[in-house]
Amino acid sequence: MENFAALIAASINSGTPLLIAALGLLINERAGVLNLGAEGMMLVAAITGFAVAHQTHIPELGFLAGAIAGMLMASLFAWFVLVLSTNQVATGLALSIFGSGLSAFIGQSFVGQSLPAGNHGIPGLANLPFVGKALFDQHWMVYFSLLLCVALVWFLYRTRSGLILRAVGESPESAHALGYPVRRIRYAALLFSGACCGMAGAYLSVVYTPMWVEGLVSGRGWIALALTTFATWRPARVLLGALLFGSVTILQFHFQAIGLAIPSQILSMLPYVATILVLVLISRNPDWIRLNMPASLGKPFHH
């Protein structure tokens, strides 16, 4: 039972950065903007957060620095897409490549360095049998991600601002005709997305690893993008998807630990194979995707 509790805890820990990043990407996609630069934003935020936490010995400042770095990268994307009206797909891919190179350059002096492990868990609850180890012995960012998911459900479906955001994603022309500042709303959504991707990247380098190596994010930005489609742009389903992909990621280490005679390279492929399979299964019903996808996703707005 202890091993099972540890497996659950590790799956939640692994799914947390995916959840935070995917929730941020869901908001900018709900506003009609497709940003494929999540991987680059997370990488830049990961090295920024690690560098600040390493130098100050204050992990919380690392998360703040990561969020700011993510917002700066998102602002760069927003300037190209919203002001210069560049192609969203091409600009996002360029941002991802740029972020990969920039993070490698900034992180040269930090390669191989690590951070001390901190004390996690909720006092009093972390010592409970089974559930304490499985659910309550986590970093505070895990619980923050769950609260963020609940908050976004409330924001999107229970507030006027959430209704306006969804209206911008469905028909920016109609929202503009009603007097809503479409570009400013999309810019705010991109900033929020950048902050979330930034915190997710910082979580990877400050808590999950905690160290810096080049390419630390390892495709999680792309998995987070796939999660938004898998969840049909709904926060609660993003949570389930993040836990699913987190479990798949941890299973590869569990299989290695119990000595299964499977090459480690094949086990390392499991999260990405799962991503491809999910996208293939979803793509079999394009009408279902069109029914749930924001109508203006990826389309420019020129007013």
C-alpha atoms as a PDB file:
ATOM      1  CA  MET A   1       0.000   0.000   0.000  1.00  0.00           C
ATOM      2  CA  GLU A   2       2.907   2.341   0.711  1.00  0.00           C
ATOM      3  CA  ASN A   3       4.269   1.759  -2.784  1.00  0.00           C
ATOM      4  CA  PHE A   4       0.836   2.439  -4.281  1.00  0.00           C
ATOM      5  CA  ALA A   5       0.520   5.650  -2.265  1.00  0.00           C
ATOM      6  CA  ALA A   6       3.964   6.735  -3.466  1.00  0.00           C
ATOM      7  CA  LEU A   7       2.933   5.982  -7.061  1.00  0.00           C
ATOM      8  CA  ILE A   8      -0.191   8.162  -6.705  1.00  0.00           C
ATOM      9  CA  ALA A   9       1.838  10.980  -5.155  1.00  0.00           C
ATOM     10  CA  ALA A  10       4.432  10.799  -7.915  1.00  0.00           C
ATOM     11  CA  SER A  11       1.730  10.838 -10.607  1.00  0.00           C
ATOM     12  CA  ILE A  12       0.152  13.966  -9.103  1.00  0.00           C
ATOM     13  CA  ASN A  13       3.568  15.595  -8.848  1.00  0.00           C
ATOM     14  CA  SER A  14       4.326  14.742 -12.481  1.00  0.00           C
ATOM     15  CA  GLY A  15       0.962  15.996 -13.723  1.00  0.00           C
ATOM     16  CA  THR A  16       1.131  19.355 -11.902  1.00  0.00           C
ATOM     17  CA  PRO A  17       3.293  21.264 -14.445  1.00  0.00           C
ATOM     18  CA  LEU A  18       1.141  19.879 -17.268  1.00  0.00           C
ATOM     19  CA  LEU A  19      -2.009  21.044 -15.466  1.00  0.00           C
ATOM     20  CA  ILE A  20      -0.748  24.580 -14.804  1.00  0.00           C
ATOM     21  CA  ALA A  21       0.568  25.070 -18.347  1.00  0.00           C
ATOM     22  CA  ALA A  22      -2.514  23.563 -19.995  1.00  0.00           C
ATOM     23  CA  LEU A  23      -4.884  25.747 -17.948  1.00  0.00           C
ATOM     24  CA  GLY A  24      -3.023  28.839 -19.125  1.00  0.00           C
ATOM     25  CA  LEU A  25      -3.077  27.688 -22.746  1.00  0.00           C
ATOM     26  CA  LEU A  26      -6.794  26.930 -22.431  1.00  0.00           C
ATOM     27  CA  ILE A  27      -7.490  30.574 -21.556  1.00  0.00           C
ATOM     28  CA  ASN A  28      -5.680  32.044 -24.568  1.00  0.00           C
ATOM     29  CA  GLU A  29      -7.283  29.454 -26.847  1.00  0.00           C
ATOM     30  CA  ARG A  30     -10.684  30.283 -25.409  1.00  0.00           C
ATOM     31  CA  ALA A  31      -9.917  33.859 -26.486  1.00  0.00           C
ATOM     32  CA  GLY A  32      -9.216  32.617 -30.020  1.00  0.00           C
ATOM     33  CA  VAL A  33      -5.390  32.703 -29.979  1.00  0.00           C
ATOM     34  CA  LEU A  34      -3.340  29.586 -30.744  1.00  0.00           C
ATOM     35  CA  ASN A  35       0.120  29.769 -29.151  1.00  0.00           C
ATOM     36  CA  LEU A  36       2.412  26.869 -30.050  1.00  0.00           C
ATOM     37  CA  GLY A  37       5.297  28.453 -28.154  1.00  0.00           C
ATOM     38  CA  ALA A  38       4.526  26.799 -24.810  1.00  0.00           C
ATOM     39  CA  GLU A  39       7.679  24.688 -24.910  1.00  0.00           C
ATOM     40  CA  GLY A  40       9.886  27.744 -25.417  1.00  0.00           C
ATOM     41  CA  MET A  41       8.104  29.749 -22.733  1.00  0.00           C
ATOM     42  CA  MET A  42       8.452  26.923 -20.226  1.00  0.00           C
ATOM     43  CA  LEU A  43      12.156  26.473 -20.996  1.00  0.00           C
ATOM     44  CA  VAL A  44      12.986  30.159 -20.542  1.00  0.00           C
ATOM     45  CA  ALA A  45      10.924  30.260 -17.341  1.00  0.00           C
ATOM     46  CA  ALA A  46      12.583  27.073 -16.071  1.00  0.00           C
ATOM     47  CA  ILE A  47      16.107  28.471 -16.311  1.00  0.00           C
ATOM     48  CA  THR A  48      15.013  31.888 -15.031  1.00  0.00           C
ATOM     49  CA  GLY A  49      13.223  30.400 -12.040  1.00  0.00           C
ATOM     50  CA  PHE A  50      16.102  28.034 -11.297  1.00  0.00           C
ATOM     51  CA  ALA A  51      18.711  30.802 -11.540  1.00  0.00           C
ATOM     52  CA  VAL A  52      16.778  33.094  -9.185  1.00  0.00           C
ATOM     53  CA  ALA A  53      16.038  30.300  -6.683  1.00  0.00           C
ATOM     54  CA  HIS A  54      19.674  29.151  -6.840  1.00  0.00           C
ATOM     55  CA  GLN A  55      21.068  32.623  -6.223  1.00  0.00           C
ATOM     56  CA  THR A  56      18.572  33.806  -3.599  1.00  0.00           C
ATOM     57  CA  HIS A  57      17.854  30.433  -1.923  1.00  0.00           C
ATOM     58  CA  ILE A  58      14.167  31.458  -1.941  1.00  0.00           C
ATOM     59  CA  PRO A  59      12.130  29.050  -4.124  1.00  0.00           C
ATOM     60  CA  GLU A  60       9.087  31.342  -4.082  1.00  0.00           C
ATOM     61  CA  LEU A  61      11.112  34.027  -5.871  1.00  0.00           C
ATOM     62  CA  GLY A  62      11.959  31.397  -8.476  1.00  0.00           C
ATOM     63  CA  PHE A  63       8.262  30.898  -9.199  1.00  0.00           C
ATOM     64  CA  LEU A  64       7.725  34.650  -9.417  1.00  0.00           C
ATOM     65  CA  ALA A  65      10.686  35.043 -11.779  1.00  0.00           C
ATOM     66  CA  GLY A  66       9.444  32.143 -13.888  1.00  0.00           C
ATOM     67  CA  ALA A  67       5.992  33.706 -14.176  1.00  0.00           C
ATOM     68  CA  ILE A  68       7.499  37.047 -15.228  1.00  0.00           C
ATOM     69  CA  ALA A  69       9.739  35.338 -17.792  1.00  0.00           C
ATOM     70  CA  GLY A  70       6.736  33.500 -19.213  1.00  0.00           C
ATOM     71  CA  MET A  71       4.765  36.744 -19.439  1.00  0.00           C
ATOM     72  CA  LEU A  72       7.632  38.464 -21.268  1.00  0.00           C
ATOM     73  CA  MET A  73       7.776  35.632 -23.800  1.00  0.00           C
ATOM     74  CA  ALA A  74       3.982  35.788 -24.184  1.00  0.00           C
ATOM     75  CA  SER A  75       4.213  39.569 -24.705  1.00  0.00           C
ATOM     76  CA  LEU A  76       6.693  38.998 -27.519  1.00  0.00           C
ATOM     77  CA  PHE A  77       4.282  36.552 -29.129  1.00  0.00           C
ATOM     78  CA  ALA A  78       1.371  38.961 -28.613  1.00  0.00           C
ATOM     79  CA  TRP A  79       3.263  41.817 -30.270  1.00  0.00           C
ATOM     80  CA  PHE A  80       3.848  39.774 -33.408  1.00  0.00           C
ATOM     81  CA  VAL A  81       0.379  38.212 -33.556  1.00  0.00           C
ATOM     82  CA  LEU A  82      -1.892  40.999 -32.296  1.00  0.00           C
ATOM     83  CA  VAL A  83       0.000  44.057 -33.535  1.00  0.00           C
ATOM     84  CA  LEU A  84       1.816  42.846 -36.645  1.00  0.00           C
ATOM     85  CA  SER A  85      -0.872  40.238 -37.495  1.00  0.00           C
ATOM     86  CA  THR A  86       1.649  37.488 -38.207  1.00  0.00           C
ATOM     87  CA  ASN A  87       0.591  33.873 -38.639  1.00  0.00           C
ATOM     88  CA  GLN A  88      -0.133  32.375 -35.218  1.00  0.00           C
ATOM     89  CA  VAL A  89       1.165  28.894 -36.009  1.00  0.00           C
ATOM     90  CA  ALA A  90       4.458  30.081 -37.517  1.00  0.00           C
ATOM     91  CA  THR A  91       5.014  32.640 -34.753  1.00  0.00           C
ATOM     92  CA  GLY A  92       4.361  30.076 -32.032  1.00  0.00           C
ATOM     93  CA  LEU A  93       6.796  27.599 -33.560  1.00  0.00           C
ATOM     94  CA  ALA A  94       9.408  30.355 -33.859  1.00  0.00           C
ATOM     95  CA  LEU A  95       8.869  31.291 -30.205  1.00  0.00           C
ATOM     96  CA  SER A  96       9.375  27.680 -29.166  1.00  0.00           C
ATOM     97  CA  ILE A  97      12.645  27.403 -31.111  1.00  0.00           C
ATOM     98  CA  PHE A  98      13.813  30.789 -29.815  1.00  0.00           C
ATOM     99  CA  GLY A  99      13.021  29.809 -26.219  1.00  0.00           C
ATOM    100  CA  SER A 100      14.921  26.543 -26.564  1.00  0.00           C
ATOM    101  CA  GLY A 101      18.053  28.310 -27.776  1.00  0.00           C
ATOM    102  CA  LEU A 102      17.779  31.193 -25.298  1.00  0.00           C
ATOM    103  CA  SER A 103      17.349  28.877 -22.311  1.00  0.00           C
ATOM    104  CA  ALA A 104      20.383  26.821 -23.370  1.00  0.00           C
ATOM    105  CA  PHE A 105      22.468  29.999 -23.684  1.00  0.00           C
ATOM    106  CA  ILE A 106      21.368  31.481 -20.342  1.00  0.00           C
ATOM    107  CA  GLY A 107      21.752  28.176 -18.516  1.00  0.00           C
ATOM    108  CA  GLN A 108      25.331  27.366 -19.527  1.00  0.00           C
ATOM    109  CA  SER A 109      26.752  28.278 -16.120  1.00  0.00           C
ATOM    110  CA  PHE A 110      23.984  26.407 -14.251  1.00  0.00           C
ATOM    111  CA  VAL A 111      24.218  23.024 -16.003  1.00  0.00           C
ATOM    112  CA  GLY A 112      24.389  20.211 -13.474  1.00  0.00           C
ATOM    113  CA  GLN A 113      23.787  22.429 -10.454  1.00  0.00           C
ATOM    114  CA  SER A 114      20.954  21.543  -8.109  1.00  0.00           C
ATOM    115  CA  LEU A 115      18.770  22.982  -5.377  1.00  0.00           C
ATOM    116  CA  PRO A 116      18.337  21.549  -1.872  1.00  0.00           C
ATOM    117  CA  ALA A 117      15.143  19.590  -1.287  1.00  0.00           C
ATOM    118  CA  GLY A 118      12.558  21.489   0.741  1.00  0.00           C
ATOM    119  CA  ASN A 119       9.941  20.341   3.245  1.00  0.00           C
ATOM    120  CA  HIS A 120       6.581  19.672   1.598  1.00  0.00           C
ATOM    121  CA  GLY A 121       3.190  18.516   2.719  1.00  0.00           C
ATOM    122  CA  ILE A 122       0.329  19.734   4.897  1.00  0.00           C
ATOM    123  CA  PRO A 123       1.240  19.476   8.595  1.00  0.00           C
ATOM    124  CA  GLY A 124      -0.947  16.988  10.433  1.00  0.00           C
ATOM    125  CA  LEU A 125      -2.413  15.483   7.266  1.00  0.00           C
ATOM    126  CA  ALA A 126       0.808  14.292   5.616  1.00  0.00           C
ATOM    127  CA  ASN A 127       1.273  11.666   8.362  1.00  0.00           C
ATOM    128  CA  LEU A 128      -2.109  10.004   7.842  1.00  0.00           C
ATOM    129  CA  PRO A 129      -1.978   6.368   6.681  1.00  0.00           C
ATOM    130  CA  PHE A 130      -2.018   6.008   2.870  1.00  0.00           C
ATOM    131  CA  VAL A 131      -3.970   9.195   2.003  1.00  0.00           C
ATOM    132  CA  GLY A 132      -1.369  11.320   3.782  1.00  0.00           C
ATOM    133  CA  LYS A 133       1.436  10.044   1.579  1.00  0.00           C
ATOM    134  CA  ALA A 134      -0.704   9.928  -1.546  1.00  0.00           C
ATOM    135  CA  LEU A 135      -2.511  13.272  -1.351  1.00  0.00           C
ATOM    136  CA  PHE A 136      -1.197  15.535   1.391  1.00  0.00           C
ATOM    137  CA  ASP A 137       2.591  15.159   1.151  1.00  0.00           C
ATOM    138  CA  GLN A 138       2.911  17.494  -1.841  1.00  0.00           C
ATOM    139  CA  HIS A 139       4.434  20.871  -2.643  1.00  0.00           C
ATOM    140  CA  TRP A 140       2.117  23.856  -2.189  1.00  0.00           C
ATOM    141  CA  MET A 141       2.115  24.436  -5.961  1.00  0.00           C
ATOM    142  CA  VAL A 142       0.190  21.176  -6.366  1.00  0.00           C
ATOM    143  CA  TYR A 143      -2.682  22.535  -4.292  1.00  0.00           C
ATOM    144  CA  PHE A 144      -2.386  25.908  -6.018  1.00  0.00           C
ATOM    145  CA  SER A 145      -2.890  24.175  -9.385  1.00  0.00           C
ATOM    146  CA  LEU A 146      -6.068  22.510  -8.112  1.00  0.00           C
ATOM    147  CA  LEU A 147      -7.404  25.823  -6.818  1.00  0.00           C
ATOM    148  CA  LEU A 148      -6.516  27.420 -10.147  1.00  0.00           C
ATOM    149  CA  CYS A 149      -8.552  24.771 -11.972  1.00  0.00           C
ATOM    150  CA  VAL A 150     -11.590  25.424  -9.764  1.00  0.00           C
ATOM    151  CA  ALA A 151     -11.153  29.189 -10.142  1.00  0.00           C
ATOM    152  CA  LEU A 152     -11.069  28.941 -13.935  1.00  0.00           C
ATOM    153  CA  VAL A 153     -14.234  26.835 -14.005  1.00  0.00           C
ATOM    154  CA  TRP A 154     -15.948  29.544 -11.973  1.00  0.00           C
ATOM    155  CA  PHE A 155     -14.436  32.337 -14.090  1.00  0.00           C
ATOM    156  CA  LEU A 156     -15.392  30.861 -17.468  1.00  0.00           C
ATOM    157  CA  TYR A 157     -18.928  29.750 -16.636  1.00  0.00           C
ATOM    158  CA  ARG A 158     -20.066  31.932 -13.730  1.00  0.00           C
ATOM    159  CA  THR A 159     -18.729  35.432 -14.444  1.00  0.00           C
ATOM    160  CA  ARG A 160     -19.434  38.134 -16.980  1.00  0.00           C
ATOM    161  CA  SER A 161     -15.723  38.459 -17.765  1.00  0.00           C
ATOM    162  CA  GLY A 162     -15.536  34.757 -18.585  1.00  0.00           C
ATOM    163  CA  LEU A 163     -18.561  35.085 -20.861  1.00  0.00           C
ATOM    164  CA  ILE A 164     -16.882  37.994 -22.684  1.00  0.00           C
ATOM    165  CA  LEU A 165     -13.659  35.991 -23.070  1.00  0.00           C
ATOM    166  CA  ARG A 166     -15.566  33.078 -24.594  1.00  0.00           C
ATOM    167  CA  ALA A 167     -17.482  35.451 -26.846  1.00  0.00           C
ATOM    168  CA  VAL A 168     -14.191  36.876 -28.150  1.00  0.00           C
ATOM    169  CA  GLY A 169     -13.048  33.334 -28.923  1.00  0.00           C
ATOM    170  CA  GLU A 170     -16.250  32.471 -30.718  1.00  0.00           C
ATOM    171  CA  SER A 171     -16.863  35.660 -32.710  1.00  0.00           C
ATOM    172  CA  PRO A 172     -14.403  38.536 -32.267  1.00  0.00           C
ATOM    173  CA  GLU A 173     -16.264  40.609 -34.875  1.00  0.00           C
ATOM    174  CA  SER A 174     -19.479  40.436 -32.858  1.00  0.00           C
ATOM    175  CA  ALA A 175     -17.627  41.230 -29.625  1.00  0.00           C
ATOM    176  CA  HIS A 176     -15.975  44.204 -31.329  1.00  0.00           C
ATOM    177  CA  ALA A 177     -19.353  45.423 -32.632  1.00  0.00           C
ATOM    178  CA  LEU A 178     -20.658  45.370 -29.053  1.00  0.00           C
ATOM    179  CA  GLY A 179     -17.763  47.577 -27.965  1.00  0.00           C
ATOM    180  CA  TYR A 180     -15.441  45.045 -26.331  1.00  0.00           C
ATOM    181  CA  PRO A 181     -11.657  45.593 -26.868  1.00  0.00           C
ATOM    182  CA  VAL A 182     -10.841  42.297 -28.569  1.00  0.00           C
ATOM    183  CA  ARG A 183      -7.093  42.846 -28.828  1.00  0.00           C
ATOM    184  CA  ARG A 184      -6.739  43.905 -25.200  1.00  0.00           C
ATOM    185  CA  ILE A 185      -8.739  40.896 -24.041  1.00  0.00           C
ATOM    186  CA  ARG A 186      -6.583  38.578 -26.126  1.00  0.00           C
ATOM    187  CA  TYR A 187      -3.437  40.274 -24.837  1.00  0.00           C
ATOM    188  CA  ALA A 188      -4.575  39.776 -21.222  1.00  0.00           C
ATOM    189  CA  ALA A 189      -5.349  36.113 -21.982  1.00  0.00           C
ATOM    190  CA  LEU A 190      -1.867  35.650 -23.465  1.00  0.00           C
ATOM    191  CA  LEU A 191      -0.242  37.261 -20.422  1.00  0.00           C
ATOM    192  CA  PHE A 192      -2.154  34.910 -18.120  1.00  0.00           C
ATOM    193  CA  SER A 193      -1.123  31.967 -20.283  1.00  0.00           C
ATOM    194  CA  GLY A 194       2.503  33.093 -20.183  1.00  0.00           C
ATOM    195  CA  ALA A 195       2.406  33.371 -16.386  1.00  0.00           C
ATOM    196  CA  CYS A 196       0.970  29.851 -16.096  1.00  0.00           C
ATOM    197  CA  CYS A 197       3.526  28.352 -18.489  1.00  0.00           C
ATOM    198  CA  GLY A 198       6.201  30.253 -16.574  1.00  0.00           C
ATOM    199  CA  MET A 199       5.137  28.807 -13.227  1.00  0.00           C
ATOM    200  CA  ALA A 200       4.957  25.337 -14.791  1.00  0.00           C
ATOM    201  CA  GLY A 201       8.499  25.688 -16.131  1.00  0.00           C
ATOM    202  CA  ALA A 202       9.766  26.965 -12.777  1.00  0.00           C
ATOM    203  CA  TYR A 203       8.059  24.041 -11.032  1.00  0.00           C
ATOM    204  CA  LEU A 204      10.026  21.617 -13.191  1.00  0.00           C
ATOM    205  CA  SER A 205      13.414  23.165 -12.390  1.00  0.00           C
ATOM    206  CA  VAL A 206      12.802  24.223  -8.776  1.00  0.00           C
ATOM    207  CA  VAL A 207      10.668  21.371  -7.403  1.00  0.00           C
ATOM    208  CA  TYR A 208      10.246  18.439  -9.768  1.00  0.00           C
ATOM    209  CA  THR A 209      13.872  17.900 -10.762  1.00  0.00           C
ATOM    210  CA  PRO A 210      15.252  20.208  -8.992  1.00  0.00           C
ATOM    211  CA  MET A 211      18.226  21.061 -11.199  1.00  0.00           C
ATOM    212  CA  TRP A 212      18.976  22.552 -14.576  1.00  0.00           C
ATOM    213  CA  VAL A 213      19.952  20.679 -17.721  1.00  0.00           C
ATOM    214  CA  GLU A 214      19.450  21.781 -21.292  1.00  0.00           C
ATOM    215  CA  GLY A 215      16.034  20.787 -22.638  1.00  0.00           C
ATOM    216  CA  LEU A 216      14.694  20.162 -19.132  1.00  0.00           C
ATOM    217  CA  VAL A 217      11.051  20.567 -20.186  1.00  0.00           C
ATOM    218  CA  SER A 218      11.375  17.531 -22.499  1.00  0.00           C
ATOM    219  CA  GLY A 219       8.282  18.092 -24.615  1.00  0.00           C
ATOM    220  CA  ARG A 220       5.877  18.861 -21.776  1.00  0.00           C
ATOM    221  CA  GLY A 221       4.902  22.102 -23.497  1.00  0.00           C
ATOM    222  CA  TRP A 222       3.671  20.119 -26.489  1.00  0.00           C
ATOM    223  CA  ILE A 223       1.843  17.662 -24.238  1.00  0.00           C
ATOM    224  CA  ALA A 224       0.138  20.607 -22.486  1.00  0.00           C
ATOM    225  CA  LEU A 225      -1.005  21.866 -25.889  1.00  0.00           C
ATOM    226  CA  ALA A 226      -2.403  18.438 -26.700  1.00  0.00           C
ATOM    227  CA  LEU A 227      -4.146  18.392 -23.320  1.00  0.00           C
ATOM    228  CA  THR A 228      -6.301  21.386 -24.215  1.00  0.00           C
ATOM    229  CA  THR A 229      -7.645  19.521 -27.248  1.00  0.00           C
ATOM    230  CA  PHE A 230      -7.978  16.278 -25.296  1.00  0.00           C
ATOM    231  CA  ALA A 231     -10.009  18.180 -22.672  1.00  0.00           C
ATOM    232  CA  THR A 232     -12.143  19.916 -25.328  1.00  0.00           C
ATOM    233  CA  TRP A 233     -11.203  23.271 -23.781  1.00  0.00           C
ATOM    234  CA  ARG A 234     -12.739  22.533 -20.374  1.00  0.00           C
ATOM    235  CA  PRO A 235     -10.685  23.059 -17.157  1.00  0.00           C
ATOM    236  CA  ALA A 236     -12.070  20.048 -15.266  1.00  0.00           C
ATOM    237  CA  ARG A 237     -11.166  17.724 -18.138  1.00  0.00           C
ATOM    238  CA  VAL A 238      -7.699  19.304 -18.260  1.00  0.00           C
ATOM    239  CA  LEU A 239      -7.253  18.175 -14.654  1.00  0.00           C
ATOM    240  CA  LEU A 240      -8.186  14.595 -15.527  1.00  0.00           C
ATOM    241  CA  GLY A 241      -5.927  14.627 -18.576  1.00  0.00           C
ATOM    242  CA  ALA A 242      -2.981  15.998 -16.592  1.00  0.00           C
ATOM    243  CA  LEU A 243      -3.352  13.230 -14.014  1.00  0.00           C
ATOM    244  CA  LEU A 244      -3.562  10.652 -16.820  1.00  0.00           C
ATOM    245  CA  PHE A 245      -0.407  11.868 -18.560  1.00  0.00           C
ATOM    246  CA  GLY A 246       1.362  12.273 -15.222  1.00  0.00           C
ATOM    247  CA  SER A 247       0.569   8.645 -14.416  1.00  0.00           C
ATOM    248  CA  VAL A 248       1.897   7.469 -17.767  1.00  0.00           C
ATOM    249  CA  THR A 249       5.120   9.412 -17.193  1.00  0.00           C
ATOM    250  CA  ILE A 250       5.639   7.870 -13.758  1.00  0.00           C
ATOM    251  CA  LEU A 251       4.798   4.350 -14.940  1.00  0.00           C
ATOM    252  CA  GLN A 252       7.947   4.284 -17.064  1.00  0.00           C
ATOM    253  CA  PHE A 253      10.064   4.706 -13.914  1.00  0.00           C
ATOM    254  CA  HIS A 254       7.929   2.205 -12.005  1.00  0.00           C
ATOM    255  CA  PHE A 255       8.391  -0.415 -14.728  1.00  0.00           C
ATOM    256  CA  GLN A 256      12.141   0.139 -14.646  1.00  0.00           C
ATOM    257  CA  ALA A 257      12.176  -0.150 -10.850  1.00  0.00           C
ATOM    258  CA  ILE A 258      10.411  -3.528 -10.826  1.00  0.00           C
ATOM    259  CA  GLY A 259      12.801  -4.811 -13.482  1.00  0.00           C
ATOM    260  CA  LEU A 260      10.568  -5.351 -16.491  1.00  0.00           C
ATOM    261  CA  ALA A 261      12.627  -6.539 -19.457  1.00  0.00           C
ATOM    262  CA  ILE A 262      11.648  -3.594 -21.642  1.00  0.00           C
ATOM    263  CA  PRO A 263      14.289  -1.279 -23.153  1.00  0.00           C
ATOM    264  CA  SER A 264      14.424   2.052 -21.314  1.00  0.00           C
ATOM    265  CA  GLN A 265      14.077   3.928 -24.614  1.00  0.00           C
ATOM    266  CA  ILE A 266      10.671   2.345 -25.218  1.00  0.00           C
ATOM    267  CA  LEU A 267       9.545   3.197 -21.678  1.00  0.00           C
ATOM    268  CA  SER A 268      10.664   6.805 -22.186  1.00  0.00           C
ATOM    269  CA  MET A 269       8.416   6.959 -25.249  1.00  0.00           C
ATOM    270  CA  LEU A 270       5.272   6.160 -23.254  1.00  0.00           C
ATOM    271  CA  PRO A 271       4.072   9.750 -22.521  1.00  0.00           C
ATOM    272  CA  TYR A 272       4.508  10.785 -26.155  1.00  0.00           C
ATOM    273  CA  VAL A 273       2.919   7.623 -27.508  1.00  0.00           C
ATOM    274  CA  ALA A 274      -0.032   8.236 -25.185  1.00  0.00           C
ATOM    275  CA  THR A 275      -0.288  11.806 -26.503  1.00  0.00           C
ATOM    276  CA  ILE A 276      -0.340  10.624 -30.121  1.00  0.00           C
ATOM    277  CA  LEU A 277      -2.917   7.907 -29.402  1.00  0.00           C
ATOM    278  CA  VAL A 278      -5.210  10.366 -27.615  1.00  0.00           C
ATOM    279  CA  LEU A 279      -5.006  12.857 -30.483  1.00  0.00           C
ATOM    280  CA  VAL A 280      -5.655  10.111 -33.046  1.00  0.00           C
ATOM    281  CA  LEU A 281      -8.715   8.902 -31.124  1.00  0.00           C
ATOM    282  CA  ILE A 282     -10.067  12.434 -30.777  1.00  0.00           C
ATOM    283  CA  SER A 283      -9.457  13.182 -34.453  1.00  0.00           C
ATOM    284  CA  ARG A 284     -11.715  10.302 -35.457  1.00  0.00           C
ATOM    285  CA  ASN A 285     -14.684  12.521 -34.581  1.00  0.00           C
ATOM    286  CA  PRO A 286     -13.970  15.949 -36.138  1.00  0.00           C
ATOM    287  CA  ASP A 287     -17.577  17.078 -35.616  1.00  0.00           C
ATOM    288  CA  TRP A 288     -17.127  16.669 -31.863  1.00  0.00           C
ATOM    289  CA  ILE A 289     -13.969  18.830 -31.957  1.00  0.00           C
ATOM    290  CA  ARG A 290     -15.667  21.519 -34.052  1.00  0.00           C
ATOM    291  CA  LEU A 291     -18.585  21.553 -31.628  1.00  0.00           C
ATOM    292  CA  ASN A 292     -16.303  22.298 -28.659  1.00  0.00           C
ATOM    293  CA  MET A 293     -13.444  24.265 -30.248  1.00  0.00           C
ATOM    294  CA  PRO A 294     -13.566  28.088 -30.121  1.00  0.00           C
ATOM    295  CA  ALA A 295     -14.768  29.125 -33.589  1.00  0.00           C
ATOM    296  CA  SER A 296     -12.097  31.797 -34.115  1.00  0.00           C
ATOM    297  CA  LEU A 297      -9.154  29.760 -32.777  1.00  0.00           C
ATOM    298  CA  GLY A 298      -6.039  30.585 -34.790  1.00  0.00           C
ATOM    299  CA  LYS A 299      -7.815  33.162 -36.967  1.00  0.00           C
ATOM    300  CA  PRO A 300      -6.482  36.752 -37.054  1.00  0.00           C
ATOM    301  CA  PHE A 301      -8.574  39.765 -36.088  1.00  0.00           C
ATOM    302  CA  HIS A 302      -7.840  42.909 -38.116  1.00  0.00           C
ATOM    303  CA  HIS A 303     -10.155  45.589 -36.674  1.00  0.00           C
END
